[in-house]
Structure formats: C-alpha cells, structure tokens
Amino acid sequence: MPNKREFTKKLLEQNPDNVIDDALHVWWYNIRDDGGLRLTERGFNTFVNAFELEYYEWDLPTTQWLNSKLLLKLDKHMTYPYYIEPLVKKFPAKIYIFGAKEATAINLYGDLLNYLETI
C-alpha cells in the first residue's frame, strides 16, 4: 500500500522545483507517516487542478455522522487520498476519494459508512 510520502513524491516528479517536505506539510491533514491520507483543502485543490486527478464524491448524511471514531477509521483503512469538505462551507458536506477501487467498493456497499463497517 503506498503511503503519503510516495504519493507526494510521484506527484512532485512532474514539478521538480517543489520540495517534498513542504508539500507534505501543505497537502496532508496529518503529516506523520502513519497519519492517514486525508488531504487539506490546498492538497485537494492541487490534486484536482494542478495534477487533474480523477475523484469520486459522496454526500455526508449528517453532522453527527462525522465523528472522531469515524475519522480514525478513515485514516486507518483508506488506501488512497481523500478530502472531507468542511461542514461550514455547505450542507450536506462531501467526501472526495481518489481511489477507483475504493469508490467501487463504497458503491457496492451502498454508502461510505457501510463500507467502513465491513473492513
């Protein structure tokens, strides 16, 4: 399973002027190597606009749905980068996932919550 350093390095190969450690701090929500693949807003915008990566999106049903237990589960089990839109921007908030395999699995389970409960 690739980690965030490998994702960052691959993406920055197209932009050699950038420094990997700087990108790690700007793009990723938790910069620890084992901190999961959650993107910051700036990281999400870079993946979408600069690198033109394909993503899949789902609505988050309620504000109670997004709790610390679920965030930890996402960090532990998601194998591709994802971005959670802040709840203050609009409701319902959205989650964006950059992995086609995980997106397919989520659709097969019906929603993200059902998927996370089975892995």
C-alpha atoms as a PDB file:
ATOM      1  CA  MET A   1       0.000   0.000   0.000  1.00  0.00           C
ATOM      2  CA  PRO A   2       1.528   3.355  -0.992  1.00  0.00           C
ATOM      3  CA  ASN A   3       1.949   5.931   1.749  1.00  0.00           C
ATOM      4  CA  LYS A   4       1.587   9.707   1.584  1.00  0.00           C
ATOM      5  CA  ARG A   5       5.322  10.256   1.023  1.00  0.00           C
ATOM      6  CA  GLU A   6       5.158   8.004  -2.078  1.00  0.00           C
ATOM      7  CA  PHE A   7       2.020   9.776  -3.376  1.00  0.00           C
ATOM      8  CA  THR A   8       3.679  13.150  -2.789  1.00  0.00           C
ATOM      9  CA  LYS A   9       6.943  12.110  -4.431  1.00  0.00           C
ATOM     10  CA  LYS A  10       5.195  10.729  -7.526  1.00  0.00           C
ATOM     11  CA  LEU A  11       3.100  13.851  -7.934  1.00  0.00           C
ATOM     12  CA  LEU A  12       6.072  16.158  -7.433  1.00  0.00           C
ATOM     13  CA  GLU A  13       8.128  14.354 -10.074  1.00  0.00           C
ATOM     14  CA  GLN A  14       6.085  16.415 -12.528  1.00  0.00           C
ATOM     15  CA  ASN A  15       7.075  19.607 -10.642  1.00  0.00           C
ATOM     16  CA  PRO A  16      10.734  19.177  -9.630  1.00  0.00           C
ATOM     17  CA  ASP A  17      11.002  22.754  -8.319  1.00  0.00           C
ATOM     18  CA  ASN A  18       8.809  21.894  -5.329  1.00  0.00           C
ATOM     19  CA  VAL A  19      10.235  20.380  -2.180  1.00  0.00           C
ATOM     20  CA  ILE A  20       8.644  17.172  -0.934  1.00  0.00           C
ATOM     21  CA  ASP A  21       8.721  18.098   2.759  1.00  0.00           C
ATOM     22  CA  ASP A  22       6.993  21.418   2.038  1.00  0.00           C
ATOM     23  CA  ALA A  23       4.291  19.635   0.056  1.00  0.00           C
ATOM     24  CA  LEU A  24       3.797  17.111   2.863  1.00  0.00           C
ATOM     25  CA  HIS A  25       3.033  19.959   5.286  1.00  0.00           C
ATOM     26  CA  VAL A  26       0.723  21.800   2.897  1.00  0.00           C
ATOM     27  CA  TRP A  27      -1.190  18.937   1.255  1.00  0.00           C
ATOM     28  CA  TRP A  28      -1.805  16.464   4.066  1.00  0.00           C
ATOM     29  CA  TYR A  29      -4.025  16.912   7.104  1.00  0.00           C
ATOM     30  CA  ASN A  30      -1.743  14.784   9.324  1.00  0.00           C
ATOM     31  CA  ILE A  31       1.896  14.841   8.272  1.00  0.00           C
ATOM     32  CA  ARG A  32       3.025  11.808  10.286  1.00  0.00           C
ATOM     33  CA  ASP A  33       3.946   8.856   8.080  1.00  0.00           C
ATOM     34  CA  ASP A  34       1.227   6.743   9.726  1.00  0.00           C
ATOM     35  CA  GLY A  35      -1.294   9.594   9.925  1.00  0.00           C
ATOM     36  CA  GLY A  36      -3.579   8.559   7.088  1.00  0.00           C
ATOM     37  CA  LEU A  37      -4.201  10.011   3.640  1.00  0.00           C
ATOM     38  CA  ARG A  38      -6.628  12.840   4.433  1.00  0.00           C
ATOM     39  CA  LEU A  39      -5.937  15.914   2.307  1.00  0.00           C
ATOM     40  CA  THR A  40      -6.132  19.560   3.299  1.00  0.00           C
ATOM     41  CA  GLU A  41      -8.168  21.908   1.124  1.00  0.00           C
ATOM     42  CA  ARG A  42      -4.976  23.076  -0.557  1.00  0.00           C
ATOM     43  CA  GLY A  43      -3.897  19.480  -1.146  1.00  0.00           C
ATOM     44  CA  PHE A  44      -7.280  18.624  -2.657  1.00  0.00           C
ATOM     45  CA  ASN A  45      -7.135  21.666  -4.945  1.00  0.00           C
ATOM     46  CA  THR A  46      -3.619  20.711  -6.040  1.00  0.00           C
ATOM     47  CA  PHE A  47      -4.649  17.127  -6.825  1.00  0.00           C
ATOM     48  CA  VAL A  48      -7.680  18.311  -8.810  1.00  0.00           C
ATOM     49  CA  ASN A  49      -6.418  21.458 -10.538  1.00  0.00           C
ATOM     50  CA  ALA A  50      -2.668  21.013 -10.978  1.00  0.00           C
ATOM     51  CA  PHE A  51      -2.490  17.234 -11.413  1.00  0.00           C
ATOM     52  CA  GLU A  52      -6.018  16.746 -12.844  1.00  0.00           C
ATOM     53  CA  LEU A  53      -6.572  13.534 -10.886  1.00  0.00           C
ATOM     54  CA  GLU A  54      -9.946  11.821 -11.072  1.00  0.00           C
ATOM     55  CA  TYR A  55     -12.010  11.708  -7.887  1.00  0.00           C
ATOM     56  CA  TYR A  56     -15.325  10.318  -6.679  1.00  0.00           C
ATOM     57  CA  GLU A  57     -17.663  12.140  -4.320  1.00  0.00           C
ATOM     58  CA  TRP A  58     -20.389  11.310  -1.810  1.00  0.00           C
ATOM     59  CA  ASP A  59     -22.599  13.402   0.439  1.00  0.00           C
ATOM     60  CA  LEU A  60     -22.099  13.018   4.174  1.00  0.00           C
ATOM     61  CA  PRO A  61     -25.602  12.476   5.553  1.00  0.00           C
ATOM     62  CA  THR A  62     -25.475  14.462   8.831  1.00  0.00           C
ATOM     63  CA  THR A  63     -23.064  16.349  11.039  1.00  0.00           C
ATOM     64  CA  GLN A  64     -23.289  13.561  13.673  1.00  0.00           C
ATOM     65  CA  TRP A  65     -22.072  11.110  11.063  1.00  0.00           C
ATOM     66  CA  LEU A  66     -18.612  12.697  11.021  1.00  0.00           C
ATOM     67  CA  ASN A  67     -17.174  11.876  14.451  1.00  0.00           C
ATOM     68  CA  SER A  68     -13.676  11.181  15.757  1.00  0.00           C
ATOM     69  CA  LYS A  69     -14.164   7.392  15.677  1.00  0.00           C
ATOM     70  CA  LEU A  70     -15.081   7.535  12.004  1.00  0.00           C
ATOM     71  CA  LEU A  71     -12.217   9.889  11.182  1.00  0.00           C
ATOM     72  CA  LEU A  72      -9.783   7.447  12.803  1.00  0.00           C
ATOM     73  CA  LYS A  73     -11.300   4.589  10.820  1.00  0.00           C
ATOM     74  CA  LEU A  74     -10.871   6.567   7.593  1.00  0.00           C
ATOM     75  CA  ASP A  75      -7.241   7.315   8.475  1.00  0.00           C
ATOM     76  CA  LYS A  76      -6.557   3.682   9.267  1.00  0.00           C
ATOM     77  CA  HIS A  77      -8.307   1.979   6.342  1.00  0.00           C
ATOM     78  CA  MET A  78      -8.369   4.290   3.325  1.00  0.00           C
ATOM     79  CA  THR A  79      -5.568   3.374   0.914  1.00  0.00           C
ATOM     80  CA  TYR A  80      -5.940   6.369  -1.426  1.00  0.00           C
ATOM     81  CA  PRO A  81      -6.075  10.081  -0.653  1.00  0.00           C
ATOM     82  CA  TYR A  82      -9.403  11.606   0.342  1.00  0.00           C
ATOM     83  CA  TYR A  83     -10.714  15.035   1.262  1.00  0.00           C
ATOM     84  CA  ILE A  84     -13.569  15.882   3.601  1.00  0.00           C
ATOM     85  CA  GLU A  85     -15.268  19.150   2.768  1.00  0.00           C
ATOM     86  CA  PRO A  86     -15.679  21.315   5.882  1.00  0.00           C
ATOM     87  CA  LEU A  87     -19.215  21.350   7.238  1.00  0.00           C
ATOM     88  CA  VAL A  88     -19.244  25.156   7.423  1.00  0.00           C
ATOM     89  CA  LYS A  89     -18.917  25.525   3.657  1.00  0.00           C
ATOM     90  CA  LYS A  90     -22.214  23.869   2.781  1.00  0.00           C
ATOM     91  CA  PHE A  91     -24.549  21.153   3.890  1.00  0.00           C
ATOM     92  CA  PRO A  92     -24.557  18.356   3.155  1.00  0.00           C
ATOM     93  CA  ALA A  93     -20.786  18.199   3.266  1.00  0.00           C
ATOM     94  CA  LYS A  94     -18.998  15.905   0.845  1.00  0.00           C
ATOM     95  CA  ILE A  95     -16.145  13.440   0.909  1.00  0.00           C
ATOM     96  CA  TYR A  96     -13.945  13.086  -2.179  1.00  0.00           C
ATOM     97  CA  ILE A  97     -11.915   9.905  -2.774  1.00  0.00           C
ATOM     98  CA  PHE A  98      -9.150   9.484  -5.347  1.00  0.00           C
ATOM     99  CA  GLY A  99      -9.147   5.663  -5.495  1.00  0.00           C
ATOM    100  CA  ALA A 100     -11.294   3.896  -8.106  1.00  0.00           C
ATOM    101  CA  LYS A 101     -11.169   0.551  -6.243  1.00  0.00           C
ATOM    102  CA  GLU A 102     -12.398   2.104  -3.003  1.00  0.00           C
ATOM    103  CA  ALA A 103     -15.027   4.116  -4.859  1.00  0.00           C
ATOM    104  CA  THR A 104     -16.349   0.939  -6.473  1.00  0.00           C
ATOM    105  CA  ALA A 105     -16.411  -0.872  -3.132  1.00  0.00           C
ATOM    106  CA  ILE A 106     -18.259   2.020  -1.474  1.00  0.00           C
ATOM    107  CA  ASN A 107     -20.866   1.972  -4.238  1.00  0.00           C
ATOM    108  CA  LEU A 108     -21.283  -1.794  -3.864  1.00  0.00           C
ATOM    109  CA  TYR A 109     -21.854  -1.418  -0.104  1.00  0.00           C
ATOM    110  CA  GLY A 110     -24.312   1.412  -0.695  1.00  0.00           C
ATOM    111  CA  ASP A 111     -22.503   4.150   1.209  1.00  0.00           C
ATOM    112  CA  LEU A 112     -19.235   5.004   2.925  1.00  0.00           C
ATOM    113  CA  LEU A 113     -20.453   4.126   6.417  1.00  0.00           C
ATOM    114  CA  ASN A 114     -21.494   0.580   5.404  1.00  0.00           C
ATOM    115  CA  TYR A 115     -18.156   0.124   3.638  1.00  0.00           C
ATOM    116  CA  LEU A 116     -16.129   1.235   6.653  1.00  0.00           C
ATOM    117  CA  GLU A 117     -18.109  -1.041   8.987  1.00  0.00           C
ATOM    118  CA  THR A 118     -17.146  -4.095   6.933  1.00  0.00           C
ATOM    119  CA  ILE A 119     -13.400  -3.525   6.576  1.00  0.00           C
END
